[in-house]
Amino acid sequence: LSNEHGAKWMKDGDHAKEWARKWEADIKVNFEAYKTIVEFVPVSQDLGNNESLREVERVSSLKEGCIKRARWIKPVERRGSRQRVTHAILSFDGPESANQAISNGVIVQGKPLEARRSLPEPRRCLKCQKLGHFARECKRNGDVCGRCAGQHSTGSCSSNERFCPNCNTQGHGAVDRSCPSFTGRIRALHERRSDIQYRFFVTDAPETWV
């Protein structure tokens, strides 16, 4: 596993799972994922089904097995009752496959859809709603609502008022992407990454340097 061939072998199919089961039951093997955002995916698409992902690869002329996982951006329970499409994140096994999807798009249920690179965003705690950490790292006792900043979980909120605990401003909640605190963190995060300016995941290929 100390060379490129070994790394590719581990990424291929279920080799990693087999290796982990053989050597240590509680080992978890994680690979870097190259994430893309695909907009307007039909909500009827089963993102957790491997066969459906293989079909997306086939009709999109992508390498078989290159989509390692897929998930919806917005939780299913937050969809509108009449919503027919929504955005999804497709994670690829390497920059080449991800760049191919960005360049050519993907086809889902016969629909050609655009894919774009998923850029890093600041972490937000779903417990206290503050930026900079996840809920599993939170030191606070009790929940803070992401809609009204009340002392209750977001899912149980019945208030029509919106208040952001990050910028202490009325009119929007902690999940609002236009929040000044959130957009400020985004800018600071992107300023530290020289590759953010590029449309593609940068490789040795000159066409990715745009």
C-alpha atoms as a PDB file:
ATOM      1  CA  LEU A   1       0.000   0.000   0.000  1.00  0.00           C
ATOM      2  CA  SER A   2       3.039   2.251   0.024  1.00  0.00           C
ATOM      3  CA  ASN A   3       2.936   3.039  -3.686  1.00  0.00           C
ATOM      4  CA  GLU A   4       0.504   4.396  -6.272  1.00  0.00           C
ATOM      5  CA  HIS A   5      -0.537   0.920  -7.429  1.00  0.00           C
ATOM      6  CA  GLY A   6      -1.447  -0.076  -3.887  1.00  0.00           C
ATOM      7  CA  ALA A   7      -3.450   3.090  -3.368  1.00  0.00           C
ATOM      8  CA  LYS A   8      -5.430   2.483  -6.559  1.00  0.00           C
ATOM      9  CA  TRP A   9      -6.075  -1.118  -5.494  1.00  0.00           C
ATOM     10  CA  MET A  10      -7.517   0.069  -2.194  1.00  0.00           C
ATOM     11  CA  LYS A  11      -9.845   2.497  -3.970  1.00  0.00           C
ATOM     12  CA  ASP A  12     -11.171  -0.120  -6.360  1.00  0.00           C
ATOM     13  CA  GLY A  13     -14.555  -1.608  -5.456  1.00  0.00           C
ATOM     14  CA  ASP A  14     -14.762  -3.282  -2.049  1.00  0.00           C
ATOM     15  CA  HIS A  15     -11.033  -3.898  -1.550  1.00  0.00           C
ATOM     16  CA  ALA A  16     -10.849  -1.428   1.341  1.00  0.00           C
ATOM     17  CA  LYS A  17     -13.771  -3.061   3.162  1.00  0.00           C
ATOM     18  CA  GLU A  18     -12.293  -6.524   2.649  1.00  0.00           C
ATOM     19  CA  TRP A  19      -8.902  -5.368   3.914  1.00  0.00           C
ATOM     20  CA  ALA A  20     -10.445  -3.755   6.993  1.00  0.00           C
ATOM     21  CA  ARG A  21     -12.512  -6.849   7.813  1.00  0.00           C
ATOM     22  CA  LYS A  22      -9.488  -9.109   7.462  1.00  0.00           C
ATOM     23  CA  TRP A  23      -7.111  -7.139   9.637  1.00  0.00           C
ATOM     24  CA  GLU A  24      -9.194  -5.334  12.229  1.00  0.00           C
ATOM     25  CA  ALA A  25     -12.951  -5.265  12.633  1.00  0.00           C
ATOM     26  CA  ASP A  26     -13.164  -1.677  13.877  1.00  0.00           C
ATOM     27  CA  ILE A  27     -10.848  -0.092  11.290  1.00  0.00           C
ATOM     28  CA  LYS A  28     -12.415   2.585   9.111  1.00  0.00           C
ATOM     29  CA  VAL A  29     -10.815   3.446   5.779  1.00  0.00           C
ATOM     30  CA  ASN A  30     -11.409   7.002   4.589  1.00  0.00           C
ATOM     31  CA  PHE A  31     -10.452   8.461   1.236  1.00  0.00           C
ATOM     32  CA  GLU A  32     -10.380  12.032   0.059  1.00  0.00           C
ATOM     33  CA  ALA A  33     -13.611  12.721  -1.795  1.00  0.00           C
ATOM     34  CA  TYR A  34     -13.909  15.154  -4.663  1.00  0.00           C
ATOM     35  CA  LYS A  35     -17.334  16.660  -4.154  1.00  0.00           C
ATOM     36  CA  THR A  36     -19.552  18.263  -6.770  1.00  0.00           C
ATOM     37  CA  ILE A  37     -22.944  19.923  -6.455  1.00  0.00           C
ATOM     38  CA  VAL A  38     -25.589  18.833  -8.941  1.00  0.00           C
ATOM     39  CA  GLU A  39     -28.690  21.025  -9.040  1.00  0.00           C
ATOM     40  CA  PHE A  40     -32.303  20.143  -9.845  1.00  0.00           C
ATOM     41  CA  VAL A  41     -31.993  16.397  -9.289  1.00  0.00           C
ATOM     42  CA  PRO A  42     -35.425  14.680  -9.258  1.00  0.00           C
ATOM     43  CA  VAL A  43     -36.396  13.853  -5.673  1.00  0.00           C
ATOM     44  CA  SER A  44     -37.473  10.401  -6.869  1.00  0.00           C
ATOM     45  CA  GLN A  45     -33.826   9.479  -7.500  1.00  0.00           C
ATOM     46  CA  ASP A  46     -32.547   6.952  -4.944  1.00  0.00           C
ATOM     47  CA  LEU A  47     -29.140   8.328  -3.997  1.00  0.00           C
ATOM     48  CA  GLY A  48     -28.438   5.504  -1.581  1.00  0.00           C
ATOM     49  CA  ASN A  49     -28.818   2.800  -4.206  1.00  0.00           C
ATOM     50  CA  ASN A  50     -25.557   1.628  -5.797  1.00  0.00           C
ATOM     51  CA  GLU A  51     -27.296   0.421  -8.936  1.00  0.00           C
ATOM     52  CA  SER A  52     -28.814   3.850  -9.536  1.00  0.00           C
ATOM     53  CA  LEU A  53     -25.370   5.452  -9.151  1.00  0.00           C
ATOM     54  CA  ARG A  54     -23.897   2.990 -11.644  1.00  0.00           C
ATOM     55  CA  GLU A  55     -26.681   3.920 -14.075  1.00  0.00           C
ATOM     56  CA  VAL A  56     -25.836   7.628 -13.701  1.00  0.00           C
ATOM     57  CA  GLU A  57     -22.204   6.784 -14.465  1.00  0.00           C
ATOM     58  CA  ARG A  58     -23.148   4.694 -17.497  1.00  0.00           C
ATOM     59  CA  VAL A  59     -25.440   7.216 -19.193  1.00  0.00           C
ATOM     60  CA  SER A  60     -23.063  10.073 -18.306  1.00  0.00           C
ATOM     61  CA  SER A  61     -20.053   8.222 -19.828  1.00  0.00           C
ATOM     62  CA  LEU A  62     -18.265   8.230 -16.473  1.00  0.00           C
ATOM     63  CA  LYS A  63     -15.924   5.528 -15.210  1.00  0.00           C
ATOM     64  CA  GLU A  64     -17.778   2.729 -13.462  1.00  0.00           C
ATOM     65  CA  GLY A  65     -17.561   3.062  -9.689  1.00  0.00           C
ATOM     66  CA  CYS A  66     -16.220   6.623  -9.718  1.00  0.00           C
ATOM     67  CA  ILE A  67     -19.191   8.010  -7.758  1.00  0.00           C
ATOM     68  CA  LYS A  68     -18.332   6.871  -4.248  1.00  0.00           C
ATOM     69  CA  ARG A  69     -21.375   8.326  -2.532  1.00  0.00           C
ATOM     70  CA  ALA A  70     -24.273  10.700  -3.064  1.00  0.00           C
ATOM     71  CA  ARG A  71     -26.520  12.630  -0.699  1.00  0.00           C
ATOM     72  CA  TRP A  72     -29.112  15.363  -0.691  1.00  0.00           C
ATOM     73  CA  ILE A  73     -27.995  18.796   0.482  1.00  0.00           C
ATOM     74  CA  LYS A  74     -31.277  19.621   2.201  1.00  0.00           C
ATOM     75  CA  PRO A  75     -32.680  17.051   4.653  1.00  0.00           C
ATOM     76  CA  VAL A  76     -35.641  15.166   3.195  1.00  0.00           C
ATOM     77  CA  GLU A  77     -37.892  16.281   6.058  1.00  0.00           C
ATOM     78  CA  ARG A  78     -37.391  19.933   5.073  1.00  0.00           C
ATOM     79  CA  ARG A  79     -38.695  19.519   1.523  1.00  0.00           C
ATOM     80  CA  GLY A  80     -41.892  21.141   0.347  1.00  0.00           C
ATOM     81  CA  SER A  81     -44.841  18.828  -0.221  1.00  0.00           C
ATOM     82  CA  ARG A  82     -44.889  19.661  -3.937  1.00  0.00           C
ATOM     83  CA  GLN A  83     -41.141  19.776  -4.438  1.00  0.00           C
ATOM     84  CA  ARG A  84     -40.011  17.732  -7.428  1.00  0.00           C
ATOM     85  CA  VAL A  85     -36.306  18.587  -7.702  1.00  0.00           C
ATOM     86  CA  THR A  86     -33.548  19.548  -5.288  1.00  0.00           C
ATOM     87  CA  HIS A  87     -29.755  19.768  -5.068  1.00  0.00           C
ATOM     88  CA  ALA A  88     -27.418  16.864  -4.354  1.00  0.00           C
ATOM     89  CA  ILE A  89     -23.729  16.291  -3.647  1.00  0.00           C
ATOM     90  CA  LEU A  90     -21.920  13.625  -5.656  1.00  0.00           C
ATOM     91  CA  SER A  91     -18.538  12.560  -4.246  1.00  0.00           C
ATOM     92  CA  PHE A  92     -16.040  11.172  -6.753  1.00  0.00           C
ATOM     93  CA  ASP A  93     -13.034   8.931  -6.242  1.00  0.00           C
ATOM     94  CA  GLY A  94     -10.588  11.270  -7.960  1.00  0.00           C
ATOM     95  CA  PRO A  95     -10.211  14.707  -9.531  1.00  0.00           C
ATOM     96  CA  GLU A  96     -10.331  13.371 -13.095  1.00  0.00           C
ATOM     97  CA  SER A  97     -13.816  11.882 -12.740  1.00  0.00           C
ATOM     98  CA  ALA A  98     -15.078  14.925 -10.839  1.00  0.00           C
ATOM     99  CA  ASN A  99     -13.674  17.256 -13.501  1.00  0.00           C
ATOM    100  CA  GLN A 100     -15.319  15.208 -16.248  1.00  0.00           C
ATOM    101  CA  ALA A 101     -18.674  15.653 -14.512  1.00  0.00           C
ATOM    102  CA  ILE A 102     -18.040  19.391 -14.113  1.00  0.00           C
ATOM    103  CA  SER A 103     -17.050  19.716 -17.761  1.00  0.00           C
ATOM    104  CA  ASN A 104     -19.777  17.574 -19.336  1.00  0.00           C
ATOM    105  CA  GLY A 105     -22.493  17.449 -16.699  1.00  0.00           C
ATOM    106  CA  VAL A 106     -24.317  14.316 -15.581  1.00  0.00           C
ATOM    107  CA  ILE A 107     -27.533  12.686 -16.728  1.00  0.00           C
ATOM    108  CA  VAL A 108     -30.118  11.716 -14.112  1.00  0.00           C
ATOM    109  CA  GLN A 109     -33.378  10.082 -15.175  1.00  0.00           C
ATOM    110  CA  GLY A 110     -32.786  11.286 -18.719  1.00  0.00           C
ATOM    111  CA  LYS A 111     -32.197  14.889 -17.647  1.00  0.00           C
ATOM    112  CA  PRO A 112     -28.849  16.568 -18.425  1.00  0.00           C
ATOM    113  CA  LEU A 113     -27.757  18.412 -15.284  1.00  0.00           C
ATOM    114  CA  GLU A 114     -24.845  20.721 -14.589  1.00  0.00           C
ATOM    115  CA  ALA A 115     -22.287  19.833 -11.934  1.00  0.00           C
ATOM    116  CA  ARG A 116     -20.056  22.327 -10.167  1.00  0.00           C
ATOM    117  CA  ARG A 117     -17.270  22.001  -7.698  1.00  0.00           C
ATOM    118  CA  SER A 118     -18.369  21.973  -4.069  1.00  0.00           C
ATOM    119  CA  LEU A 119     -16.390  24.600  -2.188  1.00  0.00           C
ATOM    120  CA  PRO A 120     -15.517  24.301   1.512  1.00  0.00           C
ATOM    121  CA  GLU A 121     -17.818  26.004   3.980  1.00  0.00           C
ATOM    122  CA  PRO A 122     -17.447  26.876   7.666  1.00  0.00           C
ATOM    123  CA  ARG A 123     -18.608  24.291  10.150  1.00  0.00           C
ATOM    124  CA  ARG A 124     -21.867  25.002  11.982  1.00  0.00           C
ATOM    125  CA  CYS A 125     -23.010  23.292  15.152  1.00  0.00           C
ATOM    126  CA  LEU A 126     -26.553  21.905  14.928  1.00  0.00           C
ATOM    127  CA  LYS A 127     -26.788  22.058  18.717  1.00  0.00           C
ATOM    128  CA  CYS A 128     -25.786  25.630  19.623  1.00  0.00           C
ATOM    129  CA  GLN A 129     -25.866  26.955  15.995  1.00  0.00           C
ATOM    130  CA  LYS A 130     -22.480  28.668  16.369  1.00  0.00           C
ATOM    131  CA  LEU A 131     -19.954  28.601  13.554  1.00  0.00           C
ATOM    132  CA  GLY A 132     -16.578  26.900  13.832  1.00  0.00           C
ATOM    133  CA  HIS A 133     -17.398  23.479  15.276  1.00  0.00           C
ATOM    134  CA  PHE A 134     -19.739  20.497  14.913  1.00  0.00           C
ATOM    135  CA  ALA A 135     -22.380  19.273  17.371  1.00  0.00           C
ATOM    136  CA  ARG A 136     -20.226  16.337  18.502  1.00  0.00           C
ATOM    137  CA  GLU A 137     -17.622  18.866  19.708  1.00  0.00           C
ATOM    138  CA  CYS A 138     -20.115  21.234  21.368  1.00  0.00           C
ATOM    139  CA  LYS A 139     -19.625  22.019  25.061  1.00  0.00           C
ATOM    140  CA  ARG A 140     -23.041  23.617  25.544  1.00  0.00           C
ATOM    141  CA  ASN A 141     -25.791  21.959  27.587  1.00  0.00           C
ATOM    142  CA  GLY A 142     -29.101  22.113  25.751  1.00  0.00           C
ATOM    143  CA  ASP A 143     -30.164  23.076  22.245  1.00  0.00           C
ATOM    144  CA  VAL A 144     -30.429  26.455  20.557  1.00  0.00           C
ATOM    145  CA  CYS A 145     -32.986  26.876  17.788  1.00  0.00           C
ATOM    146  CA  GLY A 146     -31.594  27.573  14.319  1.00  0.00           C
ATOM    147  CA  ARG A 147     -34.681  29.622  13.435  1.00  0.00           C
ATOM    148  CA  CYS A 148     -35.479  31.840  16.434  1.00  0.00           C
ATOM    149  CA  ALA A 149     -32.440  31.223  18.712  1.00  0.00           C
ATOM    150  CA  GLY A 150     -34.750  29.982  21.470  1.00  0.00           C
ATOM    151  CA  GLN A 151     -33.748  27.367  24.029  1.00  0.00           C
ATOM    152  CA  HIS A 152     -35.205  24.415  22.134  1.00  0.00           C
ATOM    153  CA  SER A 153     -34.382  22.240  19.139  1.00  0.00           C
ATOM    154  CA  THR A 154     -34.916  23.646  15.659  1.00  0.00           C
ATOM    155  CA  GLY A 155     -37.316  20.839  14.774  1.00  0.00           C
ATOM    156  CA  SER A 156     -39.672  21.722  17.634  1.00  0.00           C
ATOM    157  CA  CYS A 157     -39.798  25.469  16.871  1.00  0.00           C
ATOM    158  CA  SER A 158     -43.273  26.996  16.428  1.00  0.00           C
ATOM    159  CA  SER A 159     -42.220  30.648  16.299  1.00  0.00           C
ATOM    160  CA  ASN A 160     -42.701  32.831  13.228  1.00  0.00           C
ATOM    161  CA  GLU A 161     -39.901  35.131  14.378  1.00  0.00           C
ATOM    162  CA  ARG A 162     -36.369  34.765  13.064  1.00  0.00           C
ATOM    163  CA  PHE A 163     -33.263  35.614  15.064  1.00  0.00           C
ATOM    164  CA  CYS A 164     -29.667  34.689  14.326  1.00  0.00           C
ATOM    165  CA  PRO A 165     -27.474  33.741  17.319  1.00  0.00           C
ATOM    166  CA  ASN A 166     -24.323  34.312  15.254  1.00  0.00           C
ATOM    167  CA  CYS A 167     -24.762  37.931  14.184  1.00  0.00           C
ATOM    168  CA  ASN A 168     -27.432  38.742  16.827  1.00  0.00           C
ATOM    169  CA  THR A 169     -29.786  40.103  14.195  1.00  0.00           C
ATOM    170  CA  GLN A 170     -33.523  39.712  13.680  1.00  0.00           C
ATOM    171  CA  GLY A 171     -34.977  38.749  10.319  1.00  0.00           C
ATOM    172  CA  HIS A 172     -33.057  35.549   9.608  1.00  0.00           C
ATOM    173  CA  GLY A 173     -32.011  32.351  11.348  1.00  0.00           C
ATOM    174  CA  ALA A 174     -28.663  30.649  11.806  1.00  0.00           C
ATOM    175  CA  VAL A 175     -29.103  28.600   8.624  1.00  0.00           C
ATOM    176  CA  ASP A 176     -29.484  31.659   6.377  1.00  0.00           C
ATOM    177  CA  ARG A 177     -26.628  31.699   3.868  1.00  0.00           C
ATOM    178  CA  SER A 178     -26.823  35.483   3.539  1.00  0.00           C
ATOM    179  CA  CYS A 179     -26.000  35.963   7.235  1.00  0.00           C
ATOM    180  CA  PRO A 180     -23.076  38.428   7.575  1.00  0.00           C
ATOM    181  CA  SER A 181     -21.295  36.113  10.007  1.00  0.00           C
ATOM    182  CA  PHE A 182     -21.598  33.180   7.601  1.00  0.00           C
ATOM    183  CA  THR A 183     -20.522  35.104   4.499  1.00  0.00           C
ATOM    184  CA  GLY A 184     -17.596  36.589   6.429  1.00  0.00           C
ATOM    185  CA  ARG A 185     -16.420  33.123   7.444  1.00  0.00           C
ATOM    186  CA  ILE A 186     -16.789  31.976   3.826  1.00  0.00           C
ATOM    187  CA  ARG A 187     -14.565  34.810   2.591  1.00  0.00           C
ATOM    188  CA  ALA A 188     -11.914  34.137   5.225  1.00  0.00           C
ATOM    189  CA  LEU A 189     -11.944  30.421   4.463  1.00  0.00           C
ATOM    190  CA  HIS A 190     -11.608  30.928   0.721  1.00  0.00           C
ATOM    191  CA  GLU A 191      -8.825  33.494   1.107  1.00  0.00           C
ATOM    192  CA  ARG A 192      -6.705  30.776   2.728  1.00  0.00           C
ATOM    193  CA  ARG A 193      -7.185  28.402  -0.226  1.00  0.00           C
ATOM    194  CA  SER A 194      -5.315  29.346  -3.396  1.00  0.00           C
ATOM    195  CA  ASP A 195      -7.184  26.733  -5.456  1.00  0.00           C
ATOM    196  CA  ILE A 196     -10.652  28.119  -4.726  1.00  0.00           C
ATOM    197  CA  GLN A 197     -10.532  30.409  -7.762  1.00  0.00           C
ATOM    198  CA  TYR A 198     -10.503  27.474 -10.196  1.00  0.00           C
ATOM    199  CA  ARG A 199     -13.592  25.904 -11.745  1.00  0.00           C
ATOM    200  CA  PHE A 200     -12.035  22.429 -11.743  1.00  0.00           C
ATOM    201  CA  PHE A 201     -10.086  20.377  -9.234  1.00  0.00           C
ATOM    202  CA  VAL A 202      -6.516  21.249 -10.149  1.00  0.00           C
ATOM    203  CA  THR A 203      -4.402  18.446 -11.621  1.00  0.00           C
ATOM    204  CA  ASP A 204      -1.355  18.309 -13.896  1.00  0.00           C
ATOM    205  CA  ALA A 205      -3.658  18.849 -16.885  1.00  0.00           C
ATOM    206  CA  PRO A 206      -3.449  22.505 -18.053  1.00  0.00           C
ATOM    207  CA  GLU A 207      -7.173  22.616 -18.852  1.00  0.00           C
ATOM    208  CA  THR A 208      -7.910  22.445 -15.115  1.00  0.00           C
ATOM    209  CA  TRP A 209      -6.021  25.665 -14.432  1.00  0.00           C
ATOM    210  CA  VAL A 210      -9.022  27.864 -15.247  1.00  0.00           C
END
